[in-house]
Amino acid sequence: SKYRNVSAIYWQPDPEDQKGILLDCGEGTRQQMKAYFGYENYDSVVLGLRMIYITHMHADHHLGTMQIISDRARLLAKMSLDERK
């Protein structure tokens, strides 16, 4: 809903590095990430993800996973192999 989003915890161990992980990935994760990082930075954050850790299989902890994976796959498909490194 507009007022409730099941989201995730994003952790970026090194702020200088573009790599991070998601702890859980609820159905509102994509929209919350776009709101927090901005639409213009969302793509680079998704490309920098190295892991999505699902703590347990309740729907509010994993329903957003396919959206994030789909966005990442779409972004990677646009890139050359050299750009992916």
PDB file of N, CA and C in Angstrom:
ATOM      1  N   SER A   1       0.836  -1.187   0.000  1.00  0.00           N
ATOM      2  CA  SER A   1       0.000   0.000   0.000  1.00  0.00           C
ATOM      3  C   SER A   1       0.878   1.246   0.000  1.00  0.00           C
ATOM      4  N   LYS A   2       0.257   2.377  -0.117  1.00  0.00           N
ATOM      5  CA  LYS A   2       0.984   3.640  -0.156  1.00  0.00           C
ATOM      6  C   LYS A   2       1.717   3.913   1.158  1.00  0.00           C
ATOM      7  N   TYR A   3       1.178   3.408   2.270  1.00  0.00           N
ATOM      8  CA  TYR A   3       1.724   3.739   3.577  1.00  0.00           C
ATOM      9  C   TYR A   3       2.537   2.612   4.213  1.00  0.00           C
ATOM     10  N   ARG A   4       2.451   1.434   3.637  1.00  0.00           N
ATOM     11  CA  ARG A   4       3.169   0.296   4.226  1.00  0.00           C
ATOM     12  C   ARG A   4       3.917  -0.453   3.131  1.00  0.00           C
ATOM     13  N   ASN A   5       5.199  -0.582   3.310  1.00  0.00           N
ATOM     14  CA  ASN A   5       6.014  -1.342   2.372  1.00  0.00           C
ATOM     15  C   ASN A   5       6.881  -2.302   3.149  1.00  0.00           C
ATOM     16  N   VAL A   6       6.800  -3.560   2.776  1.00  0.00           N
ATOM     17  CA  VAL A   6       7.690  -4.547   3.355  1.00  0.00           C
ATOM     18  C   VAL A   6       8.988  -4.442   2.569  1.00  0.00           C
ATOM     19  N   SER A   7      10.072  -4.141   3.244  1.00  0.00           N
ATOM     20  CA  SER A   7      11.315  -3.887   2.512  1.00  0.00           C
ATOM     21  C   SER A   7      12.449  -4.762   3.022  1.00  0.00           C
ATOM     22  N   ALA A   8      13.643  -4.263   3.013  1.00  0.00           N
ATOM     23  CA  ALA A   8      14.844  -5.024   3.322  1.00  0.00           C
ATOM     24  C   ALA A   8      15.805  -4.147   4.112  1.00  0.00           C
ATOM     25  N   ILE A   9      16.912  -4.746   4.484  1.00  0.00           N
ATOM     26  CA  ILE A   9      18.022  -3.999   5.060  1.00  0.00           C
ATOM     27  C   ILE A   9      19.145  -4.041   4.033  1.00  0.00           C
ATOM     28  N   TYR A  10      19.607  -2.870   3.619  1.00  0.00           N
ATOM     29  CA  TYR A  10      20.723  -2.782   2.676  1.00  0.00           C
ATOM     30  C   TYR A  10      21.972  -2.469   3.477  1.00  0.00           C
ATOM     31  N   TRP A  11      23.023  -3.239   3.253  1.00  0.00           N
ATOM     32  CA  TRP A  11      24.281  -3.027   3.962  1.00  0.00           C
ATOM     33  C   TRP A  11      25.410  -2.883   2.964  1.00  0.00           C
ATOM     34  N   GLN A  12      26.149  -1.799   3.106  1.00  0.00           N
ATOM     35  CA  GLN A  12      27.293  -1.523   2.248  1.00  0.00           C
ATOM     36  C   GLN A  12      28.501  -1.387   3.176  1.00  0.00           C
ATOM     37  N   PRO A  13      29.297  -2.471   3.305  1.00  0.00           N
ATOM     38  CA  PRO A  13      30.399  -2.463   4.271  1.00  0.00           C
ATOM     39  C   PRO A  13      31.386  -1.318   4.075  1.00  0.00           C
ATOM     40  N   ASP A  14      31.683  -0.990   2.840  1.00  0.00           N
ATOM     41  CA  ASP A  14      32.660   0.065   2.543  1.00  0.00           C
ATOM     42  C   ASP A  14      31.976   1.146   1.708  1.00  0.00           C
ATOM     43  N   PRO A  15      31.719   2.313   2.276  1.00  0.00           N
ATOM     44  CA  PRO A  15      31.031   3.375   1.538  1.00  0.00           C
ATOM     45  C   PRO A  15      31.745   3.802   0.254  1.00  0.00           C
ATOM     46  N   GLU A  16      33.064   3.580   0.181  1.00  0.00           N
ATOM     47  CA  GLU A  16      33.819   3.929  -1.028  1.00  0.00           C
ATOM     48  C   GLU A  16      33.598   2.910  -2.149  1.00  0.00           C
ATOM     49  N   ASP A  17      33.147   1.735  -1.775  1.00  0.00           N
ATOM     50  CA  ASP A  17      32.920   0.647  -2.726  1.00  0.00           C
ATOM     51  C   ASP A  17      31.436   0.616  -3.083  1.00  0.00           C
ATOM     52  N   GLN A  18      31.120   0.287  -4.298  1.00  0.00           N
ATOM     53  CA  GLN A  18      29.725   0.258  -4.751  1.00  0.00           C
ATOM     54  C   GLN A  18      29.044  -1.072  -4.460  1.00  0.00           C
ATOM     55  N   LYS A  19      29.672  -1.944  -3.694  1.00  0.00           N
ATOM     56  CA  LYS A  19      29.123  -3.270  -3.441  1.00  0.00           C
ATOM     57  C   LYS A  19      28.347  -3.308  -2.140  1.00  0.00           C
ATOM     58  N   GLY A  20      27.212  -4.030  -2.157  1.00  0.00           N
ATOM     59  CA  GLY A  20      26.400  -4.157  -0.960  1.00  0.00           C
ATOM     60  C   GLY A  20      25.622  -5.452  -0.963  1.00  0.00           C
ATOM     61  N   ILE A  21      24.931  -5.705   0.149  1.00  0.00           N
ATOM     62  CA  ILE A  21      24.069  -6.877   0.239  1.00  0.00           C
ATOM     63  C   ILE A  21      22.701  -6.458   0.769  1.00  0.00           C
ATOM     64  N   LEU A  22      21.710  -7.265   0.479  1.00  0.00           N
ATOM     65  CA  LEU A  22      20.371  -7.074   1.039  1.00  0.00           C
ATOM     66  C   LEU A  22      20.110  -8.182   2.037  1.00  0.00           C
ATOM     67  N   LEU A  23      19.621  -7.803   3.200  1.00  0.00           N
ATOM     68  CA  LEU A  23      19.147  -8.769   4.175  1.00  0.00           C
ATOM     69  C   LEU A  23      17.635  -8.795   4.034  1.00  0.00           C
ATOM     70  N   ASP A  24      17.124  -9.911   3.537  1.00  0.00           N
ATOM     71  CA  ASP A  24      15.724 -10.079   3.175  1.00  0.00           C
ATOM     72  C   ASP A  24      15.378  -9.169   1.996  1.00  0.00           C
ATOM     73  N   CYS A  25      14.245  -9.419   1.408  1.00  0.00           N
ATOM     74  CA  CYS A  25      13.863  -8.654   0.223  1.00  0.00           C
ATOM     75  C   CYS A  25      12.346  -8.700   0.076  1.00  0.00           C
ATOM     76  N   GLY A  26      11.655  -7.923   0.892  1.00  0.00           N
ATOM     77  CA  GLY A  26      10.199  -7.887   0.866  1.00  0.00           C
ATOM     78  C   GLY A  26       9.668  -7.228  -0.388  1.00  0.00           C
ATOM     79  N   GLU A  27       8.361  -7.321  -0.567  1.00  0.00           N
ATOM     80  CA  GLU A  27       7.744  -6.860  -1.815  1.00  0.00           C
ATOM     81  C   GLU A  27       7.881  -5.362  -2.051  1.00  0.00           C
ATOM     82  N   GLY A  28       8.168  -4.576  -1.048  1.00  0.00           N
ATOM     83  CA  GLY A  28       8.327  -3.140  -1.227  1.00  0.00           C
ATOM     84  C   GLY A  28       9.768  -2.692  -1.388  1.00  0.00           C
ATOM     85  N   THR A  29      10.685  -3.637  -1.472  1.00  0.00           N
ATOM     86  CA  THR A  29      12.112  -3.301  -1.505  1.00  0.00           C
ATOM     87  C   THR A  29      12.481  -2.412  -2.680  1.00  0.00           C
ATOM     88  N   ARG A  30      12.018  -2.751  -3.869  1.00  0.00           N
ATOM     89  CA  ARG A  30      12.377  -1.971  -5.064  1.00  0.00           C
ATOM     90  C   ARG A  30      11.962  -0.509  -4.895  1.00  0.00           C
ATOM     91  N   GLN A  31      10.743  -0.269  -4.495  1.00  0.00           N
ATOM     92  CA  GLN A  31      10.259   1.110  -4.361  1.00  0.00           C
ATOM     93  C   GLN A  31      10.966   1.843  -3.233  1.00  0.00           C
ATOM     94  N   GLN A  32      11.240   1.145  -2.133  1.00  0.00           N
ATOM     95  CA  GLN A  32      11.950   1.786  -1.027  1.00  0.00           C
ATOM     96  C   GLN A  32      13.378   2.149  -1.435  1.00  0.00           C
ATOM     97  N   MET A  33      14.028   1.273  -2.210  1.00  0.00           N
ATOM     98  CA  MET A  33      15.383   1.583  -2.683  1.00  0.00           C
ATOM     99  C   MET A  33      15.379   2.772  -3.637  1.00  0.00           C
ATOM    100  N   LYS A  34      14.378   2.833  -4.509  1.00  0.00           N
ATOM    101  CA  LYS A  34      14.281   3.976  -5.426  1.00  0.00           C
ATOM    102  C   LYS A  34      14.021   5.262  -4.657  1.00  0.00           C
ATOM    103  N   ALA A  35      13.203   5.179  -3.623  1.00  0.00           N
ATOM    104  CA  ALA A  35      12.915   6.368  -2.820  1.00  0.00           C
ATOM    105  C   ALA A  35      14.147   6.814  -2.035  1.00  0.00           C
ATOM    106  N   TYR A  36      14.892   5.862  -1.499  1.00  0.00           N
ATOM    107  CA  TYR A  36      16.053   6.193  -0.674  1.00  0.00           C
ATOM    108  C   TYR A  36      17.254   6.646  -1.507  1.00  0.00           C
ATOM    109  N   PHE A  37      17.592   5.870  -2.532  1.00  0.00           N
ATOM    110  CA  PHE A  37      18.782   6.164  -3.336  1.00  0.00           C
ATOM    111  C   PHE A  37      18.489   7.102  -4.506  1.00  0.00           C
ATOM    112  N   GLY A  38      17.219   7.276  -4.840  1.00  0.00           N
ATOM    113  CA  GLY A  38      16.839   8.068  -5.995  1.00  0.00           C
ATOM    114  C   GLY A  38      16.783   7.196  -7.234  1.00  0.00           C
ATOM    115  N   TYR A  39      15.871   7.517  -8.108  1.00  0.00           N
ATOM    116  CA  TYR A  39      15.706   6.736  -9.339  1.00  0.00           C
ATOM    117  C   TYR A  39      16.995   6.735 -10.169  1.00  0.00           C
ATOM    118  N   GLU A  40      17.737   7.832 -10.124  1.00  0.00           N
ATOM    119  CA  GLU A  40      18.950   7.929 -10.940  1.00  0.00           C
ATOM    120  C   GLU A  40      20.085   7.059 -10.395  1.00  0.00           C
ATOM    121  N   ASN A  41      20.064   6.716  -9.108  1.00  0.00           N
ATOM    122  CA  ASN A  41      21.126   5.889  -8.510  1.00  0.00           C
ATOM    123  C   ASN A  41      20.723   4.439  -8.299  1.00  0.00           C
ATOM    124  N   TYR A  42      19.446   4.149  -8.456  1.00  0.00           N
ATOM    125  CA  TYR A  42      18.944   2.788  -8.201  1.00  0.00           C
ATOM    126  C   TYR A  42      19.689   1.745  -9.027  1.00  0.00           C
ATOM    127  N   ASP A  43      19.898   2.004 -10.305  1.00  0.00           N
ATOM    128  CA  ASP A  43      20.554   1.024 -11.178  1.00  0.00           C
ATOM    129  C   ASP A  43      21.950   0.665 -10.677  1.00  0.00           C
ATOM    130  N   SER A  44      22.727   1.643 -10.276  1.00  0.00           N
ATOM    131  CA  SER A  44      24.086   1.347  -9.816  1.00  0.00           C
ATOM    132  C   SER A  44      24.071   0.575  -8.495  1.00  0.00           C
ATOM    133  N   VAL A  45      23.085   0.832  -7.648  1.00  0.00           N
ATOM    134  CA  VAL A  45      22.973   0.081  -6.396  1.00  0.00           C
ATOM    135  C   VAL A  45      22.634  -1.375  -6.694  1.00  0.00           C
ATOM    136  N   VAL A  46      21.694  -1.602  -7.595  1.00  0.00           N
ATOM    137  CA  VAL A  46      21.303  -2.973  -7.952  1.00  0.00           C
ATOM    138  C   VAL A  46      22.467  -3.703  -8.615  1.00  0.00           C
ATOM    139  N   LEU A  47      23.188  -3.020  -9.476  1.00  0.00           N
ATOM    140  CA  LEU A  47      24.347  -3.650 -10.114  1.00  0.00           C
ATOM    141  C   LEU A  47      25.444  -3.964  -9.096  1.00  0.00           C
ATOM    142  N   GLY A  48      25.508  -3.218  -8.028  1.00  0.00           N
ATOM    143  CA  GLY A  48      26.513  -3.439  -7.001  1.00  0.00           C
ATOM    144  C   GLY A  48      26.155  -4.506  -5.983  1.00  0.00           C
ATOM    145  N   LEU A  49      24.927  -5.027  -6.046  1.00  0.00           N
ATOM    146  CA  LEU A  49      24.544  -6.073  -5.097  1.00  0.00           C
ATOM    147  C   LEU A  49      25.372  -7.325  -5.311  1.00  0.00           C
ATOM    148  N   ARG A  50      25.862  -7.874  -4.236  1.00  0.00           N
ATOM    149  CA  ARG A  50      26.648  -9.097  -4.307  1.00  0.00           C
ATOM    150  C   ARG A  50      25.905 -10.285  -3.706  1.00  0.00           C
ATOM    151  N   MET A  51      24.867 -10.014  -2.924  1.00  0.00           N
ATOM    152  CA  MET A  51      24.121 -11.093  -2.298  1.00  0.00           C
ATOM    153  C   MET A  51      22.781 -10.580  -1.799  1.00  0.00           C
ATOM    154  N   ILE A  52      21.783 -11.447  -1.848  1.00  0.00           N
ATOM    155  CA  ILE A  52      20.513 -11.226  -1.154  1.00  0.00           C
ATOM    156  C   ILE A  52      20.375 -12.387  -0.185  1.00  0.00           C
ATOM    157  N   TYR A  53      20.388 -12.081   1.096  1.00  0.00           N
ATOM    158  CA  TYR A  53      20.300 -13.108   2.129  1.00  0.00           C
ATOM    159  C   TYR A  53      18.874 -13.135   2.665  1.00  0.00           C
ATOM    160  N   ILE A  54      18.199 -14.261   2.508  1.00  0.00           N
ATOM    161  CA  ILE A  54      16.829 -14.428   2.994  1.00  0.00           C
ATOM    162  C   ILE A  54      16.900 -15.143   4.341  1.00  0.00           C
ATOM    163  N   THR A  55      16.450 -14.479   5.396  1.00  0.00           N
ATOM    164  CA  THR A  55      16.573 -15.043   6.740  1.00  0.00           C
ATOM    165  C   THR A  55      15.637 -16.223   6.965  1.00  0.00           C
ATOM    166  N   HIS A  56      14.436 -16.162   6.397  1.00  0.00           N
ATOM    167  CA  HIS A  56      13.498 -17.280   6.474  1.00  0.00           C
ATOM    168  C   HIS A  56      12.416 -17.084   5.419  1.00  0.00           C
ATOM    169  N   MET A  57      11.665 -18.123   5.159  1.00  0.00           N
ATOM    170  CA  MET A  57      10.788 -18.144   3.988  1.00  0.00           C
ATOM    171  C   MET A  57       9.375 -17.603   4.225  1.00  0.00           C
ATOM    172  N   HIS A  58       9.204 -16.639   5.084  1.00  0.00           N
ATOM    173  CA  HIS A  58       7.924 -15.942   5.170  1.00  0.00           C
ATOM    174  C   HIS A  58       7.838 -14.976   3.993  1.00  0.00           C
ATOM    175  N   ALA A  59       6.651 -14.809   3.458  1.00  0.00           N
ATOM    176  CA  ALA A  59       6.464 -13.985   2.259  1.00  0.00           C
ATOM    177  C   ALA A  59       6.993 -12.566   2.425  1.00  0.00           C
ATOM    178  N   ASP A  60       6.854 -12.008   3.611  1.00  0.00           N
ATOM    179  CA  ASP A  60       7.314 -10.627   3.811  1.00  0.00           C
ATOM    180  C   ASP A  60       8.835 -10.501   3.829  1.00  0.00           C
ATOM    181  N   HIS A  61       9.534 -11.614   3.675  1.00  0.00           N
ATOM    182  CA  HIS A  61      10.993 -11.589   3.646  1.00  0.00           C
ATOM    183  C   HIS A  61      11.575 -11.930   2.280  1.00  0.00           C
ATOM    184  N   HIS A  62      10.730 -12.360   1.318  1.00  0.00           N
ATOM    185  CA  HIS A  62      11.303 -12.782   0.036  1.00  0.00           C
ATOM    186  C   HIS A  62      10.505 -12.408  -1.213  1.00  0.00           C
ATOM    187  N   LEU A  63       9.313 -11.835  -1.100  1.00  0.00           N
ATOM    188  CA  LEU A  63       8.498 -11.585  -2.291  1.00  0.00           C
ATOM    189  C   LEU A  63       9.071 -10.543  -3.254  1.00  0.00           C
ATOM    190  N   GLY A  64       9.989  -9.722  -2.818  1.00  0.00           N
ATOM    191  CA  GLY A  64      10.585  -8.719  -3.706  1.00  0.00           C
ATOM    192  C   GLY A  64      11.822  -9.205  -4.442  1.00  0.00           C
ATOM    193  N   THR A  65      12.265 -10.412  -4.131  1.00  0.00           N
ATOM    194  CA  THR A  65      13.507 -10.928  -4.694  1.00  0.00           C
ATOM    195  C   THR A  65      13.475 -10.976  -6.218  1.00  0.00           C
ATOM    196  N   MET A  66      12.402 -11.472  -6.789  1.00  0.00           N
ATOM    197  CA  MET A  66      12.333 -11.594  -8.249  1.00  0.00           C
ATOM    198  C   MET A  66      12.352 -10.237  -8.945  1.00  0.00           C
ATOM    199  N   GLN A  67      11.794  -9.210  -8.327  1.00  0.00           N
ATOM    200  CA  GLN A  67      11.853  -7.867  -8.921  1.00  0.00           C
ATOM    201  C   GLN A  67      13.292  -7.376  -8.995  1.00  0.00           C
ATOM    202  N   ILE A  68      14.038  -7.566  -7.924  1.00  0.00           N
ATOM    203  CA  ILE A  68      15.425  -7.116  -7.895  1.00  0.00           C
ATOM    204  C   ILE A  68      16.274  -7.924  -8.873  1.00  0.00           C
ATOM    205  N   ILE A  69      16.086  -9.237  -8.887  1.00  0.00           N
ATOM    206  CA  ILE A  69      16.838 -10.092  -9.819  1.00  0.00           C
ATOM    207  C   ILE A  69      16.507  -9.734 -11.257  1.00  0.00           C
ATOM    208  N   SER A  70      15.245  -9.482 -11.537  1.00  0.00           N
ATOM    209  CA  SER A  70      14.817  -9.103 -12.888  1.00  0.00           C
ATOM    210  C   SER A  70      15.445  -7.775 -13.309  1.00  0.00           C
ATOM    211  N   ASP A  71      15.448  -6.796 -12.417  1.00  0.00           N
ATOM    212  CA  ASP A  71      16.067  -5.502 -12.719  1.00  0.00           C
ATOM    213  C   ASP A  71      17.558  -5.669 -12.975  1.00  0.00           C
ATOM    214  N   ARG A  72      18.213  -6.477 -12.158  1.00  0.00           N
ATOM    215  CA  ARG A  72      19.656  -6.706 -12.324  1.00  0.00           C
ATOM    216  C   ARG A  72      19.945  -7.394 -13.654  1.00  0.00           C
ATOM    217  N   ALA A  73      19.145  -8.396 -13.999  1.00  0.00           N
ATOM    218  CA  ALA A  73      19.336  -9.106 -15.269  1.00  0.00           C
ATOM    219  C   ALA A  73      19.143  -8.162 -16.452  1.00  0.00           C
ATOM    220  N   ARG A  74      18.146  -7.292 -16.377  1.00  0.00           N
ATOM    221  CA  ARG A  74      17.894  -6.318 -17.438  1.00  0.00           C
ATOM    222  C   ARG A  74      19.080  -5.379 -17.605  1.00  0.00           C
ATOM    223  N   LEU A  75      19.617  -4.911 -16.496  1.00  0.00           N
ATOM    224  CA  LEU A  75      20.766  -3.997 -16.538  1.00  0.00           C
ATOM    225  C   LEU A  75      22.015  -4.690 -17.063  1.00  0.00           C
ATOM    226  N   LEU A  76      22.257  -5.918 -16.634  1.00  0.00           N
ATOM    227  CA  LEU A  76      23.431  -6.661 -17.095  1.00  0.00           C
ATOM    228  C   LEU A  76      23.340  -6.980 -18.586  1.00  0.00           C
ATOM    229  N   ALA A  77      22.132  -7.227 -19.080  1.00  0.00           N
ATOM    230  CA  ALA A  77      21.954  -7.541 -20.499  1.00  0.00           C
ATOM    231  C   ALA A  77      22.335  -6.362 -21.387  1.00  0.00           C
ATOM    232  N   LYS A  78      22.243  -5.158 -20.861  1.00  0.00           N
ATOM    233  CA  LYS A  78      22.593  -3.952 -21.619  1.00  0.00           C
ATOM    234  C   LYS A  78      24.095  -3.692 -21.646  1.00  0.00           C
ATOM    235  N   MET A  79      24.836  -4.387 -20.797  1.00  0.00           N
ATOM    236  CA  MET A  79      26.263  -4.114 -20.643  1.00  0.00           C
ATOM    237  C   MET A  79      27.105  -5.124 -21.413  1.00  0.00           C
ATOM    238  N   SER A  80      28.286  -4.686 -21.832  1.00  0.00           N
ATOM    239  CA  SER A  80      29.236  -5.621 -22.429  1.00  0.00           C
ATOM    240  C   SER A  80      29.912  -6.421 -21.323  1.00  0.00           C
ATOM    241  N   LEU A  81      30.592  -7.475 -21.687  1.00  0.00           N
ATOM    242  CA  LEU A  81      31.280  -8.296 -20.687  1.00  0.00           C
ATOM    243  C   LEU A  81      32.358  -7.502 -19.953  1.00  0.00           C
ATOM    244  N   ASP A  82      33.047  -6.609 -20.635  1.00  0.00           N
ATOM    245  CA  ASP A  82      34.081  -5.794 -20.001  1.00  0.00           C
ATOM    246  C   ASP A  82      33.487  -4.831 -18.965  1.00  0.00           C
ATOM    247  N   GLU A  83      32.307  -4.302 -19.249  1.00  0.00           N
ATOM    248  CA  GLU A  83      31.667  -3.366 -18.329  1.00  0.00           C
ATOM    249  C   GLU A  83      31.184  -4.063 -17.054  1.00  0.00           C
ATOM    250  N   ARG A  84      30.931  -5.349 -17.115  1.00  0.00           N
ATOM    251  CA  ARG A  84      30.393  -6.090 -15.956  1.00  0.00           C
ATOM    252  C   ARG A  84      31.415  -6.312 -14.862  1.00  0.00           C
ATOM    253  N   LYS A  85      32.682  -6.127 -15.157  1.00  0.00           N
ATOM    254  CA  LYS A  85      33.715  -6.408 -14.152  1.00  0.00           C
ATOM    255  C   LYS A  85      33.829  -5.302 -13.142  1.00  0.00           C
TER     256      LYS A  85
END
